[in-house]
Protein backbone atom coordinates (compact mmCIF):
# COMPACT_ATOMS: atom_id res chain seq x y z
CA LYS A 1 -1.24 20.78 6.01
CA MET A 2 -3.25 20.17 9.20
CA THR A 3 -4.99 17.23 7.51
CA LYS A 4 -1.64 15.83 6.48
CA LEU A 5 -0.30 16.20 10.03
CA ALA A 6 -3.43 14.64 11.50
CA THR A 7 -3.24 11.69 9.11
CA ALA A 8 0.41 11.06 9.88
CA PHE A 9 -0.32 11.24 13.59
CA VAL A 10 -3.15 8.72 13.10
CA LEU A 11 -0.74 6.34 11.37
CA CYS A 12 1.52 6.59 14.40
CA VAL A 13 -1.33 5.90 16.83
CA TRP A 14 -2.74 3.06 14.72
CA MET A 15 0.62 1.35 14.48
CA ILE A 16 1.30 1.73 18.21
CA VAL A 17 -2.13 0.63 19.46
CA GLY A 18 -3.03 -2.05 16.95
CA LEU A 19 0.31 -3.50 15.95
CA GLN A 20 2.44 -3.49 19.08
CA ASP A 21 4.11 -6.81 18.38
CA ARG A 22 5.85 -5.71 15.18
CA ALA A 23 9.51 -4.77 15.02
CA TRP A 24 8.88 -1.99 12.54
CA LEU A 25 7.27 0.06 15.31
CA GLN A 26 10.78 1.05 16.32
CA GLU A 27 10.87 3.22 13.19
CA SER A 28 9.03 6.48 12.61
CA PRO A 29 5.73 5.96 10.73
CA VAL A 30 6.50 8.96 8.55
CA ALA A 31 8.92 7.78 5.89
CA PRO A 32 11.09 9.42 3.24
CA LEU A 33 9.81 9.09 -0.29
CA LYS A 34 11.40 5.97 -1.76
CA GLN A 35 10.69 2.53 -3.16
CA GLY A 36 8.90 0.36 -0.60
CA THR A 37 6.85 3.08 1.09
CA LEU A 38 3.09 3.57 1.28
CA LEU A 39 1.12 6.61 0.16
CA PHE A 40 -2.18 7.29 1.93
CA ALA A 41 -4.55 9.56 0.03
CA ILE A 42 -6.01 12.27 2.24
CA PRO A 43 -9.83 12.43 2.41
CA GLU A 44 -9.88 15.64 0.37
CA LEU A 45 -8.18 13.98 -2.63
CA ARG A 46 -11.16 13.58 -4.96
CA ASP A 47 -9.47 12.28 -8.08
CA PRO A 48 -11.67 9.21 -8.84
CA ASN A 49 -8.59 7.13 -9.63
CA PHE A 50 -7.10 7.75 -6.19
CA PHE A 51 -10.07 8.43 -3.92
CA GLN A 52 -9.47 6.70 -0.56
CA THR A 53 -6.51 4.73 -1.89
CA VAL A 54 -3.35 3.31 -0.41
CA VAL A 55 -0.47 3.02 -2.87
CA LEU A 56 2.72 0.97 -2.53
CA LEU A 57 5.67 2.48 -4.39
CA ILE A 58 7.43 -0.35 -6.20
CA ASN A 59 9.84 1.90 -8.07
CA TYR A 60 11.13 5.38 -7.35
CA GLU A 61 13.95 7.14 -9.21
CA ARG A 62 14.84 10.37 -11.00
CA GLY A 63 12.84 9.29 -14.02
CA GLY A 64 9.61 9.15 -12.02
CA ALA A 65 7.71 6.78 -9.77
CA MET A 66 5.56 3.68 -10.14
CA GLY A 67 3.14 2.19 -7.65
CA LEU A 68 0.25 -0.19 -7.07
CA ILE A 69 -3.03 0.57 -5.32
CA ILE A 70 -3.25 -2.16 -2.68
CA ASN A 71 -6.76 -1.66 -1.30
CA LYS A 72 -9.05 -1.87 -4.35
CA PRO A 73 -9.93 -5.50 -5.19
CA SER A 74 -12.21 -5.90 -8.19
CA LYS A 75 -15.04 -8.38 -8.71
CA ILE A 76 -13.04 -10.09 -11.46
CA SER A 77 -11.26 -13.29 -10.49
CA LEU A 78 -7.86 -14.27 -11.81
CA ASP A 79 -9.13 -17.44 -13.49
CA GLU A 80 -11.37 -15.27 -15.68
CA ILE A 81 -8.44 -13.48 -17.27
CA LEU A 82 -5.96 -16.39 -17.15
CA PRO A 83 -8.14 -19.48 -17.72
CA ASP A 84 -5.21 -21.44 -19.14
CA LEU A 85 -3.18 -21.24 -15.94
CA GLU A 86 -3.77 -24.59 -14.21
CA GLU A 87 -2.36 -23.42 -10.88
CA ILE A 88 -5.26 -20.98 -10.50
CA GLN A 89 -7.98 -23.61 -10.68
CA GLY A 90 -9.80 -23.99 -7.38
CA GLN A 91 -8.29 -20.82 -5.91
CA SER A 92 -10.39 -17.71 -5.48
CA LEU A 93 -8.03 -14.86 -6.27
CA PRO A 94 -9.44 -11.41 -7.06
CA VAL A 95 -7.71 -9.12 -9.48
CA PHE A 96 -6.92 -5.77 -7.86
CA PHE A 97 -7.19 -2.39 -9.55
CA GLY A 98 -3.54 -1.35 -9.50
CA GLY A 99 -3.98 2.05 -11.10
CA PRO A 100 -5.20 3.92 -14.15
CA VAL A 101 -2.10 3.35 -16.31
CA SER A 102 -2.02 0.35 -18.70
CA ARG A 103 -5.00 -1.47 -17.20
CA ASN A 104 -4.35 -4.48 -19.43
CA ARG A 105 -0.91 -4.93 -17.86
CA MET A 106 -0.59 -7.52 -15.08
CA THR A 107 1.71 -6.96 -12.12
CA VAL A 108 2.12 -9.53 -9.36
CA LEU A 109 3.12 -8.72 -5.78
CA LEU A 110 4.38 -11.68 -3.81
CA ARG A 111 5.85 -12.41 -0.42
CA ALA A 112 8.52 -15.07 -0.25
CA ASP A 113 11.79 -16.04 1.42
CA LYS A 114 12.90 -17.53 -1.89
CA PRO A 115 11.20 -15.59 -4.69
CA PRO A 116 11.07 -16.66 -8.34
CA LYS A 117 14.14 -15.54 -10.29
CA GLU A 118 12.05 -13.15 -12.42
CA ALA A 119 10.88 -11.20 -9.34
CA LEU A 120 12.33 -7.83 -8.30
CA LYS A 121 12.62 -6.79 -4.67
CA VAL A 122 10.44 -3.96 -3.31
CA PHE A 123 11.41 -4.22 0.37
CA LYS A 124 12.26 -7.00 2.80
CA ASP A 125 10.46 -10.16 1.59
CA VAL A 126 8.05 -8.40 -0.80
CA TYR A 127 8.73 -8.64 -4.54
CA TYR A 128 7.01 -7.79 -7.81
CA THR A 129 6.99 -9.30 -11.27
CA GLY A 130 5.05 -9.28 -14.50
CA SER A 131 5.83 -12.92 -15.23
CA LYS A 132 3.00 -15.42 -15.55
CA GLU A 133 5.52 -18.19 -14.93
CA ALA A 134 6.55 -16.63 -11.62
CA LEU A 135 2.90 -16.39 -10.64
CA ALA A 136 2.38 -20.06 -11.45
CA GLU A 137 5.45 -21.00 -9.42
CA MET A 138 4.13 -19.16 -6.37
CA LEU A 139 0.65 -20.67 -6.66
CA LYS A 140 2.11 -24.17 -6.64
CA LYS A 141 3.18 -23.64 -3.03
CA ARG A 142 0.60 -24.72 -0.49
CA GLY A 143 -1.08 -21.79 1.23
CA SER A 144 0.66 -19.25 -1.00
CA HIS A 145 -2.60 -17.67 -2.20
CA ASN A 146 -2.46 -15.41 0.88
CA GLU A 147 0.98 -14.20 -0.21
CA VAL A 148 0.13 -13.30 -3.82
CA ARG A 149 -1.71 -10.27 -5.21
CA VAL A 150 -2.40 -9.67 -8.88
CA TYR A 151 -3.01 -6.14 -10.16
CA ALA A 152 -4.41 -4.78 -13.41
CA GLY A 153 -2.78 -1.46 -14.24
CA TYR A 154 -0.47 0.66 -12.13
CA THR A 155 0.03 4.23 -10.95
CA GLY A 156 2.72 6.37 -12.52
CA TRP A 157 4.22 9.81 -11.94
CA ALA A 158 6.51 11.87 -14.15
CA PRO A 159 9.69 13.35 -12.63
CA GLY A 160 8.76 15.77 -9.86
CA GLN A 161 5.03 15.11 -10.12
CA LEU A 162 4.68 12.97 -7.00
CA GLU A 163 6.89 15.30 -4.99
CA HIS A 164 4.62 18.19 -5.97
CA GLU A 165 1.49 16.28 -4.92
CA ILE A 166 3.04 15.44 -1.55
CA SER A 167 4.17 19.03 -0.92
CA ARG A 168 0.59 20.08 -1.74
CA GLY A 169 -0.61 17.71 0.98
CA ASP A 170 -2.38 15.11 -1.21
CA TRP A 171 -0.53 12.12 0.27
CA VAL A 172 0.93 10.99 3.56
CA VAL A 173 4.04 8.84 3.21
CA SER A 174 4.51 5.92 5.60
CA HIS A 175 6.78 2.92 6.01
CA ALA A 176 5.29 -0.12 4.27
CA ASP A 177 4.30 -3.29 6.09
CA ALA A 178 3.84 -6.64 4.36
CA ASP A 179 0.95 -7.72 6.59
CA MET A 180 -0.97 -4.62 5.56
CA ILE A 181 -0.23 -5.15 1.87
CA PHE A 182 -1.45 -8.75 1.98
CA SER A 183 -4.34 -8.07 4.35
CA GLU A 184 -7.36 -10.35 4.08
CA ASP A 185 -9.55 -7.24 4.34
CA PRO A 186 -7.93 -4.70 2.00
CA ASP A 187 -11.12 -2.63 1.81
CA LYS A 188 -10.75 -1.80 5.51
CA ILE A 189 -7.20 -0.39 5.39
CA TRP A 190 -8.05 3.19 4.41
CA PRO A 191 -11.33 3.51 6.41
CA GLN A 192 -9.67 2.25 9.60
CA ILE A 193 -6.95 4.88 9.37
CA PHE A 194 -9.32 7.79 8.84
CA LYS A 195 -11.92 6.59 11.31
CA ILE A 196 -9.24 6.97 13.97
CA GLN A 197 -8.39 10.40 12.57
CA GLU A 198 -12.00 11.57 12.97
CA GLN A 199 -12.03 10.43 16.59
CA ILE A 200 -8.78 12.27 17.31
CA GLU A 201 -9.99 15.47 15.63
CA ILE A 202 -13.20 15.41 17.70
CA ARG A 203 -11.21 15.06 20.91
CA ASN A 204 -8.71 17.79 19.95
CA PRO A 205 -10.41 21.21 19.68
CA PRO A 206 -8.75 23.90 17.52
CA SER A 207 -7.10 25.45 20.58
CA GLN A 208 -5.30 22.16 21.19
CA PRO A 209 -3.52 21.25 17.93
CA LEU A 210 -2.21 17.77 17.34
CA PRO A 211 1.38 17.20 18.52
CA ASN A 212 4.25 17.27 16.07
CA ILE A 213 4.71 13.64 15.01
CA GLU A 214 8.36 14.22 14.19
CA HIS A 215 8.98 14.23 17.96
CA ILE A 216 6.80 11.23 18.78
CA HIS A 217 8.41 7.83 19.32
CA PRO A 218 6.39 4.67 20.06
CA SER A 219 8.09 4.29 23.41
CA GLN A 220 6.77 7.73 24.42
CA ALA A 221 3.14 7.03 23.44
């Protein structure tokens, strides 16, 4: 539980210090479990499928949950698996490892003010789809390659499974941010968070526990 508290506190500090110009700082970094939130795996989570991962929940309901790992790009490029898609030619787009379930299934995350009609909303201007046509439509837009992510596979939880993992302390739940999801350096998302945590833990001896993040607001930091 201390690791979970420390991680959540780190998310608060990271958002305040590094991202001060964003409106979402007015919200608490610790979010309720719902569609459009991020799950940060704690360092002790050693499941090879989720080691040092950050997962975006794209669907959450009584029947279970579905998400995409946003920080694990593969060495496979999109044109290798979709060579017939003309819009891909000349664009270097890696395929991300989205999760261990149905690895031959493609899911596209995109950011758009006017999304393709096949796309479903995750939060704000972030959408997801499994449509190759929607992917092609987005890639036709100039500069849109920075607003598209393609994932092979996804993460899935049966009813109550994710809630149990969170109560056990495996994940820290945080509000999602589109800039983080579409970061140009996805490999750095998880290490940056926990590098800050290590620094905080070193500066806070056991006799001085970390403050309760539930009572921390950005304006008080």
